[in-house]
Amino acid sequence: MEKGSVCTYHPGAVHCVRSVQASPRYGAGQQCCYSRRGVQVLTEDSAGGSTPDRGHDWGAPPYKQPPRIPGFSHWLYDVLSFYSCCLWADRCAVYLKRRPSSGCQRYRPPRAGTSEPKGSGLSPNFGSF
């Protein structure tokens, strides 16, 4: 595992990574977290599991309105809801039920030398990541 990874809001995870680019269609993102054994941690197994992002932290073109505004959209749709349910109230189970992890089984990575394949981005229910 890579050293120096910080998984503050994903207890039990030792390494978390974010999707580099937002899905073209929805402007969404994904954060995947892994255990010490290198296995992806899912929210159905642990509160520290991988989470979908309604708004990618870096935004997405055309950047003019949510969920595509860098920083703001992620804060509005993802961080604020997590804080409201999990940090400021005892309703994390509700949050995790509404934001289940994706196991990435249907993810199709881009081929070398090409852009992201059409239709491989995240859907609103994050079933295609």
N, C-alpha and C. Protein backbone atom coordinates (compact mmCIF):
# COMPACT_ATOMS: atom_id res chain seq x y z
N MET A 1 0.83 -1.20 0.00
CA MET A 1 0.00 0.00 0.00
C MET A 1 0.88 1.25 0.00
N GLU A 2 0.39 2.26 -0.64
CA GLU A 2 1.09 3.53 -0.70
C GLU A 2 1.11 4.17 0.67
N LYS A 3 2.22 4.73 1.05
CA LYS A 3 2.33 5.38 2.37
C LYS A 3 1.84 6.81 2.28
N GLY A 4 1.27 7.32 3.39
CA GLY A 4 0.86 8.70 3.45
C GLY A 4 -0.58 8.94 3.05
N SER A 5 -1.34 7.90 2.71
CA SER A 5 -2.74 8.07 2.36
C SER A 5 -3.54 8.40 3.62
N VAL A 6 -4.42 9.38 3.53
CA VAL A 6 -5.22 9.79 4.67
C VAL A 6 -6.68 9.46 4.40
N CYS A 7 -7.29 8.69 5.30
CA CYS A 7 -8.68 8.26 5.14
C CYS A 7 -9.47 8.71 6.37
N THR A 8 -9.44 9.99 6.66
CA THR A 8 -10.03 10.56 7.88
C THR A 8 -11.45 10.09 8.13
N TYR A 9 -12.30 10.12 7.13
CA TYR A 9 -13.71 9.79 7.32
C TYR A 9 -14.05 8.37 6.92
N HIS A 10 -13.02 7.54 6.78
CA HIS A 10 -13.22 6.14 6.40
C HIS A 10 -12.46 5.24 7.37
N PRO A 11 -12.97 5.10 8.62
CA PRO A 11 -12.27 4.29 9.62
C PRO A 11 -12.11 2.85 9.14
N GLY A 12 -10.94 2.30 9.37
CA GLY A 12 -10.64 0.94 8.95
C GLY A 12 -9.96 0.88 7.59
N ALA A 13 -10.04 1.94 6.83
CA ALA A 13 -9.37 2.00 5.53
C ALA A 13 -7.96 2.55 5.72
N VAL A 14 -7.03 2.02 4.95
CA VAL A 14 -5.65 2.52 5.03
C VAL A 14 -5.24 3.27 3.77
N HIS A 15 -6.05 3.17 2.72
CA HIS A 15 -5.72 3.86 1.48
C HIS A 15 -7.01 4.21 0.75
N CYS A 16 -7.20 5.49 0.44
CA CYS A 16 -8.39 5.94 -0.28
C CYS A 16 -7.95 6.73 -1.51
N VAL A 17 -8.65 6.52 -2.61
CA VAL A 17 -8.36 7.24 -3.85
C VAL A 17 -9.66 7.78 -4.42
N ARG A 18 -9.56 8.88 -5.14
CA ARG A 18 -10.72 9.50 -5.79
C ARG A 18 -10.60 9.34 -7.30
N SER A 19 -11.76 9.31 -7.94
CA SER A 19 -11.74 9.32 -9.40
C SER A 19 -11.09 10.63 -9.83
N VAL A 20 -10.26 10.56 -10.83
CA VAL A 20 -9.53 11.74 -11.30
C VAL A 20 -10.44 12.68 -12.05
N GLN A 21 -11.37 12.14 -12.79
CA GLN A 21 -12.23 12.95 -13.65
C GLN A 21 -13.69 12.65 -13.34
N ALA A 22 -14.51 13.68 -13.39
CA ALA A 22 -15.95 13.51 -13.17
C ALA A 22 -16.57 12.76 -14.33
N SER A 23 -17.68 12.09 -14.07
CA SER A 23 -18.39 11.44 -15.17
C SER A 23 -18.89 12.52 -16.11
N PRO A 24 -18.72 12.34 -17.40
CA PRO A 24 -19.11 13.39 -18.35
C PRO A 24 -20.61 13.73 -18.30
N ARG A 25 -21.43 12.73 -18.10
CA ARG A 25 -22.88 12.95 -18.16
C ARG A 25 -23.44 13.59 -16.89
N TYR A 26 -22.97 13.16 -15.72
CA TYR A 26 -23.57 13.61 -14.46
C TYR A 26 -22.66 14.48 -13.59
N GLY A 27 -21.40 14.57 -13.90
CA GLY A 27 -20.48 15.35 -13.08
C GLY A 27 -20.18 14.71 -11.74
N ALA A 28 -20.41 13.41 -11.64
CA ALA A 28 -20.23 12.67 -10.39
C ALA A 28 -18.82 12.12 -10.26
N GLY A 29 -18.49 11.66 -9.06
CA GLY A 29 -17.18 11.07 -8.80
C GLY A 29 -17.32 9.85 -7.90
N GLN A 30 -16.20 9.31 -7.48
CA GLN A 30 -16.19 8.12 -6.64
C GLN A 30 -14.95 8.15 -5.79
N GLN A 31 -15.08 7.72 -4.54
CA GLN A 31 -13.93 7.54 -3.68
C GLN A 31 -13.89 6.08 -3.27
N CYS A 32 -12.78 5.42 -3.56
CA CYS A 32 -12.62 4.01 -3.21
C CYS A 32 -11.60 3.88 -2.10
N CYS A 33 -11.96 3.10 -1.09
CA CYS A 33 -11.08 2.91 0.07
C CYS A 33 -10.75 1.44 0.22
N TYR A 34 -9.53 1.17 0.67
CA TYR A 34 -9.02 -0.20 0.74
C TYR A 34 -8.49 -0.52 2.13
N SER A 35 -8.64 -1.78 2.51
CA SER A 35 -8.17 -2.26 3.80
C SER A 35 -6.67 -2.53 3.74
N ARG A 36 -6.11 -2.88 4.87
CA ARG A 36 -4.69 -3.21 4.95
C ARG A 36 -4.35 -4.41 4.05
N ARG A 37 -5.32 -5.28 3.81
CA ARG A 37 -5.12 -6.45 2.95
C ARG A 37 -5.24 -6.10 1.47
N GLY A 38 -5.61 -4.84 1.14
CA GLY A 38 -5.74 -4.41 -0.25
C GLY A 38 -7.11 -4.68 -0.84
N VAL A 39 -8.08 -5.02 0.02
CA VAL A 39 -9.44 -5.32 -0.42
C VAL A 39 -10.28 -4.04 -0.32
N GLN A 40 -11.13 -3.78 -1.32
CA GLN A 40 -11.98 -2.60 -1.26
C GLN A 40 -12.97 -2.72 -0.11
N VAL A 41 -13.07 -1.66 0.69
CA VAL A 41 -14.01 -1.63 1.81
C VAL A 41 -15.31 -1.03 1.30
N LEU A 42 -16.42 -1.74 1.52
CA LEU A 42 -17.74 -1.30 1.07
C LEU A 42 -18.57 -0.82 2.24
N THR A 43 -19.51 0.11 2.00
CA THR A 43 -20.33 0.64 3.10
C THR A 43 -21.25 -0.40 3.68
N GLU A 44 -21.59 -1.45 2.94
CA GLU A 44 -22.45 -2.48 3.51
C GLU A 44 -21.69 -3.31 4.55
N ASP A 45 -20.35 -3.25 4.51
CA ASP A 45 -19.52 -3.96 5.47
C ASP A 45 -19.00 -3.08 6.59
N SER A 46 -18.83 -1.78 6.32
CA SER A 46 -18.20 -0.89 7.28
C SER A 46 -18.58 0.56 6.99
N ALA A 47 -18.71 1.35 8.05
CA ALA A 47 -18.98 2.78 7.89
C ALA A 47 -17.81 3.48 7.20
N GLY A 48 -16.66 2.84 7.13
CA GLY A 48 -15.49 3.40 6.49
C GLY A 48 -15.37 3.03 5.03
N GLY A 49 -16.46 2.53 4.45
CA GLY A 49 -16.42 2.05 3.08
C GLY A 49 -16.29 3.13 2.02
N SER A 50 -16.07 2.69 0.81
CA SER A 50 -15.97 3.55 -0.36
C SER A 50 -17.29 4.28 -0.57
N THR A 51 -17.22 5.50 -1.11
CA THR A 51 -18.44 6.29 -1.26
C THR A 51 -18.55 6.94 -2.64
N PRO A 52 -19.77 6.99 -3.17
CA PRO A 52 -20.00 7.73 -4.40
C PRO A 52 -20.09 9.23 -4.10
N ASP A 53 -19.72 10.06 -5.04
CA ASP A 53 -19.82 11.51 -4.89
C ASP A 53 -20.80 12.05 -5.92
N ARG A 54 -21.83 12.73 -5.49
CA ARG A 54 -22.81 13.33 -6.41
C ARG A 54 -22.17 14.44 -7.23
N GLY A 55 -21.27 15.18 -6.59
CA GLY A 55 -20.53 16.23 -7.29
C GLY A 55 -19.04 15.97 -7.15
N HIS A 56 -18.34 15.83 -8.26
CA HIS A 56 -16.89 15.60 -8.22
C HIS A 56 -16.21 16.81 -7.59
N ASP A 57 -15.23 16.56 -6.76
CA ASP A 57 -14.54 17.64 -6.04
C ASP A 57 -13.93 18.67 -6.97
N TRP A 58 -13.49 18.26 -8.14
CA TRP A 58 -12.85 19.19 -9.08
C TRP A 58 -13.83 19.74 -10.11
N GLY A 59 -15.10 19.37 -9.99
CA GLY A 59 -16.10 19.87 -10.92
C GLY A 59 -16.05 19.16 -12.27
N ALA A 60 -16.87 19.65 -13.18
CA ALA A 60 -16.95 19.06 -14.52
C ALA A 60 -17.46 20.11 -15.50
N PRO A 61 -17.00 20.05 -16.74
CA PRO A 61 -17.50 21.01 -17.73
C PRO A 61 -19.01 20.92 -17.85
N PRO A 62 -19.73 21.98 -17.99
CA PRO A 62 -19.31 23.36 -18.24
C PRO A 62 -19.07 24.18 -16.97
N TYR A 63 -19.04 23.60 -15.79
CA TYR A 63 -18.66 24.23 -14.53
C TYR A 63 -19.59 25.34 -14.05
N LYS A 64 -20.72 25.58 -14.69
CA LYS A 64 -21.54 26.76 -14.38
C LYS A 64 -22.59 26.56 -13.30
N GLN A 65 -23.04 25.34 -13.07
CA GLN A 65 -24.09 25.13 -12.06
C GLN A 65 -23.91 23.77 -11.39
N PRO A 66 -24.44 23.61 -10.17
CA PRO A 66 -24.34 22.32 -9.50
C PRO A 66 -24.99 21.23 -10.35
N PRO A 67 -24.43 20.04 -10.37
CA PRO A 67 -23.35 19.50 -9.53
C PRO A 67 -21.96 19.62 -10.15
N ARG A 68 -21.74 20.60 -11.02
CA ARG A 68 -20.50 20.70 -11.77
C ARG A 68 -19.53 21.79 -11.29
N ILE A 69 -19.89 22.56 -10.28
CA ILE A 69 -19.03 23.65 -9.79
C ILE A 69 -17.93 23.07 -8.90
N PRO A 70 -16.65 23.28 -9.23
CA PRO A 70 -15.56 22.72 -8.44
C PRO A 70 -15.66 23.12 -6.95
N GLY A 71 -15.42 22.16 -6.08
CA GLY A 71 -15.44 22.41 -4.64
C GLY A 71 -16.84 22.59 -4.09
N PHE A 72 -17.58 23.56 -4.56
CA PHE A 72 -18.90 23.89 -4.03
C PHE A 72 -19.88 22.73 -4.17
N SER A 73 -19.95 22.12 -5.33
CA SER A 73 -20.92 21.04 -5.56
C SER A 73 -20.62 19.84 -4.67
N HIS A 74 -19.35 19.48 -4.56
CA HIS A 74 -18.97 18.35 -3.67
C HIS A 74 -19.34 18.69 -2.23
N TRP A 75 -19.04 19.90 -1.81
CA TRP A 75 -19.39 20.32 -0.44
C TRP A 75 -20.91 20.26 -0.24
N LEU A 76 -21.66 20.82 -1.16
CA LEU A 76 -23.12 20.90 -1.04
C LEU A 76 -23.78 19.51 -1.03
N TYR A 77 -23.43 18.67 -1.99
CA TYR A 77 -24.11 17.39 -2.16
C TYR A 77 -23.52 16.24 -1.36
N ASP A 78 -22.23 16.29 -1.07
CA ASP A 78 -21.58 15.14 -0.45
C ASP A 78 -21.09 15.40 0.97
N VAL A 79 -20.29 16.43 1.15
CA VAL A 79 -19.71 16.69 2.47
C VAL A 79 -20.77 17.13 3.47
N LEU A 80 -21.61 18.07 3.09
CA LEU A 80 -22.64 18.57 4.01
C LEU A 80 -23.60 17.48 4.43
N SER A 81 -24.01 16.62 3.50
CA SER A 81 -24.92 15.53 3.87
C SER A 81 -24.22 14.53 4.79
N PHE A 82 -22.94 14.26 4.55
CA PHE A 82 -22.19 13.36 5.43
C PHE A 82 -22.07 13.96 6.84
N TYR A 83 -21.69 15.22 6.91
CA TYR A 83 -21.58 15.88 8.22
C TYR A 83 -22.92 15.88 8.94
N SER A 84 -23.99 16.22 8.22
CA SER A 84 -25.32 16.32 8.83
C SER A 84 -25.79 14.98 9.39
N CYS A 85 -25.49 13.91 8.69
CA CYS A 85 -25.96 12.59 9.13
C CYS A 85 -24.99 11.88 10.06
N CYS A 86 -23.71 11.95 9.76
CA CYS A 86 -22.74 11.11 10.47
C CYS A 86 -21.95 11.83 11.57
N LEU A 87 -21.68 13.11 11.41
CA LEU A 87 -20.88 13.81 12.42
C LEU A 87 -21.72 14.64 13.38
N TRP A 88 -22.75 15.28 12.87
CA TRP A 88 -23.57 16.16 13.69
C TRP A 88 -24.81 15.48 14.23
N ALA A 89 -25.11 14.28 13.77
CA ALA A 89 -26.28 13.53 14.23
C ALA A 89 -25.95 12.05 14.19
N ASP A 90 -26.78 11.25 14.81
CA ASP A 90 -26.56 9.81 14.84
C ASP A 90 -27.42 9.12 13.78
N ARG A 91 -27.22 9.54 12.52
CA ARG A 91 -28.02 8.99 11.41
C ARG A 91 -27.14 8.49 10.27
N CYS A 92 -25.95 8.02 10.64
CA CYS A 92 -25.01 7.56 9.62
C CYS A 92 -25.54 6.34 8.88
N ALA A 93 -26.29 5.48 9.54
CA ALA A 93 -26.86 4.30 8.88
C ALA A 93 -27.77 4.72 7.73
N VAL A 94 -28.52 5.80 7.91
CA VAL A 94 -29.40 6.32 6.85
C VAL A 94 -28.56 6.82 5.68
N TYR A 95 -27.51 7.57 5.99
CA TYR A 95 -26.61 8.09 4.95
C TYR A 95 -26.00 6.94 4.15
N LEU A 96 -25.47 5.94 4.85
CA LEU A 96 -24.80 4.84 4.17
C LEU A 96 -25.77 3.99 3.35
N LYS A 97 -27.02 3.90 3.80
CA LYS A 97 -28.03 3.16 3.03
C LYS A 97 -28.35 3.89 1.72
N ARG A 98 -28.39 5.23 1.80
CA ARG A 98 -28.68 6.04 0.61
C ARG A 98 -27.49 6.20 -0.31
N ARG A 99 -26.28 5.98 0.23
CA ARG A 99 -25.04 6.13 -0.54
C ARG A 99 -24.24 4.82 -0.52
N PRO A 100 -24.78 3.75 -1.08
CA PRO A 100 -24.05 2.48 -1.03
C PRO A 100 -22.79 2.53 -1.90
N SER A 101 -21.80 1.77 -1.48
CA SER A 101 -20.57 1.67 -2.25
C SER A 101 -20.82 0.96 -3.57
N SER A 102 -19.96 1.28 -4.50
CA SER A 102 -19.92 0.55 -5.76
C SER A 102 -18.76 -0.42 -5.68
N GLY A 103 -19.00 -1.66 -6.06
CA GLY A 103 -17.93 -2.64 -6.04
C GLY A 103 -17.05 -2.58 -7.29
N CYS A 104 -17.37 -1.70 -8.22
CA CYS A 104 -16.60 -1.46 -9.44
C CYS A 104 -16.61 -2.64 -10.41
N GLN A 105 -17.55 -3.59 -10.26
CA GLN A 105 -17.57 -4.74 -11.14
C GLN A 105 -17.83 -4.37 -12.60
N ARG A 106 -18.61 -3.33 -12.84
CA ARG A 106 -18.95 -2.98 -14.22
C ARG A 106 -18.10 -1.83 -14.77
N TYR A 107 -17.08 -1.43 -14.06
CA TYR A 107 -16.22 -0.34 -14.52
C TYR A 107 -15.40 -0.80 -15.72
N ARG A 108 -15.37 0.03 -16.76
CA ARG A 108 -14.56 -0.23 -17.94
C ARG A 108 -13.53 0.88 -18.05
N PRO A 109 -12.26 0.60 -17.76
CA PRO A 109 -11.26 1.67 -17.86
C PRO A 109 -11.03 2.06 -19.30
N PRO A 110 -10.60 3.32 -19.53
CA PRO A 110 -10.30 3.73 -20.90
C PRO A 110 -9.12 2.93 -21.44
N ARG A 111 -9.13 2.70 -22.74
CA ARG A 111 -7.99 2.02 -23.37
C ARG A 111 -6.84 3.01 -23.50
N ALA A 112 -5.65 2.49 -23.59
CA ALA A 112 -4.46 3.33 -23.74
C ALA A 112 -4.59 4.20 -24.99
N GLY A 113 -4.32 5.48 -24.84
CA GLY A 113 -4.33 6.40 -25.97
C GLY A 113 -5.71 6.88 -26.38
N THR A 114 -6.73 6.61 -25.57
CA THR A 114 -8.08 7.08 -25.88
C THR A 114 -8.66 7.82 -24.69
N SER A 115 -9.74 8.51 -24.93
CA SER A 115 -10.44 9.16 -23.83
C SER A 115 -11.38 8.13 -23.21
N GLU A 116 -12.10 8.55 -22.17
CA GLU A 116 -13.03 7.64 -21.49
C GLU A 116 -14.05 7.10 -22.48
N PRO A 117 -14.31 5.77 -22.46
CA PRO A 117 -15.29 5.20 -23.38
C PRO A 117 -16.67 5.78 -23.15
N LYS A 118 -17.40 6.00 -24.22
CA LYS A 118 -18.75 6.56 -24.11
C LYS A 118 -19.62 5.63 -23.29
N GLY A 119 -20.33 6.21 -22.33
CA GLY A 119 -21.24 5.44 -21.51
C GLY A 119 -20.60 4.75 -20.33
N SER A 120 -19.32 4.95 -20.09
CA SER A 120 -18.70 4.27 -18.96
C SER A 120 -18.68 5.13 -17.72
N GLY A 121 -19.20 6.36 -17.78
CA GLY A 121 -19.22 7.23 -16.60
C GLY A 121 -20.23 6.77 -15.58
N LEU A 122 -20.28 7.49 -14.49
CA LEU A 122 -21.19 7.12 -13.41
C LEU A 122 -22.61 7.54 -13.73
N SER A 123 -23.53 6.70 -13.42
CA SER A 123 -24.95 7.05 -13.54
C SER A 123 -25.40 7.66 -12.21
N PRO A 124 -26.59 8.25 -12.13
CA PRO A 124 -27.01 8.84 -10.86
C PRO A 124 -27.04 7.83 -9.72
N ASN A 125 -27.28 6.55 -10.00
CA ASN A 125 -27.27 5.57 -8.92
C ASN A 125 -25.90 4.91 -8.80
N PHE A 126 -24.94 5.39 -9.53
CA PHE A 126 -23.54 4.96 -9.45
C PHE A 126 -23.35 3.49 -9.74
N GLY A 127 -24.25 2.91 -10.53
CA GLY A 127 -24.17 1.50 -10.84
C GLY A 127 -23.21 1.16 -11.95
N SER A 128 -22.69 2.14 -12.67
CA SER A 128 -21.82 1.80 -13.79
C SER A 128 -20.36 2.11 -13.53
N PHE A 129 -19.98 2.46 -12.33
CA PHE A 129 -18.57 2.73 -12.03
C PHE A 129 -17.86 1.42 -11.82
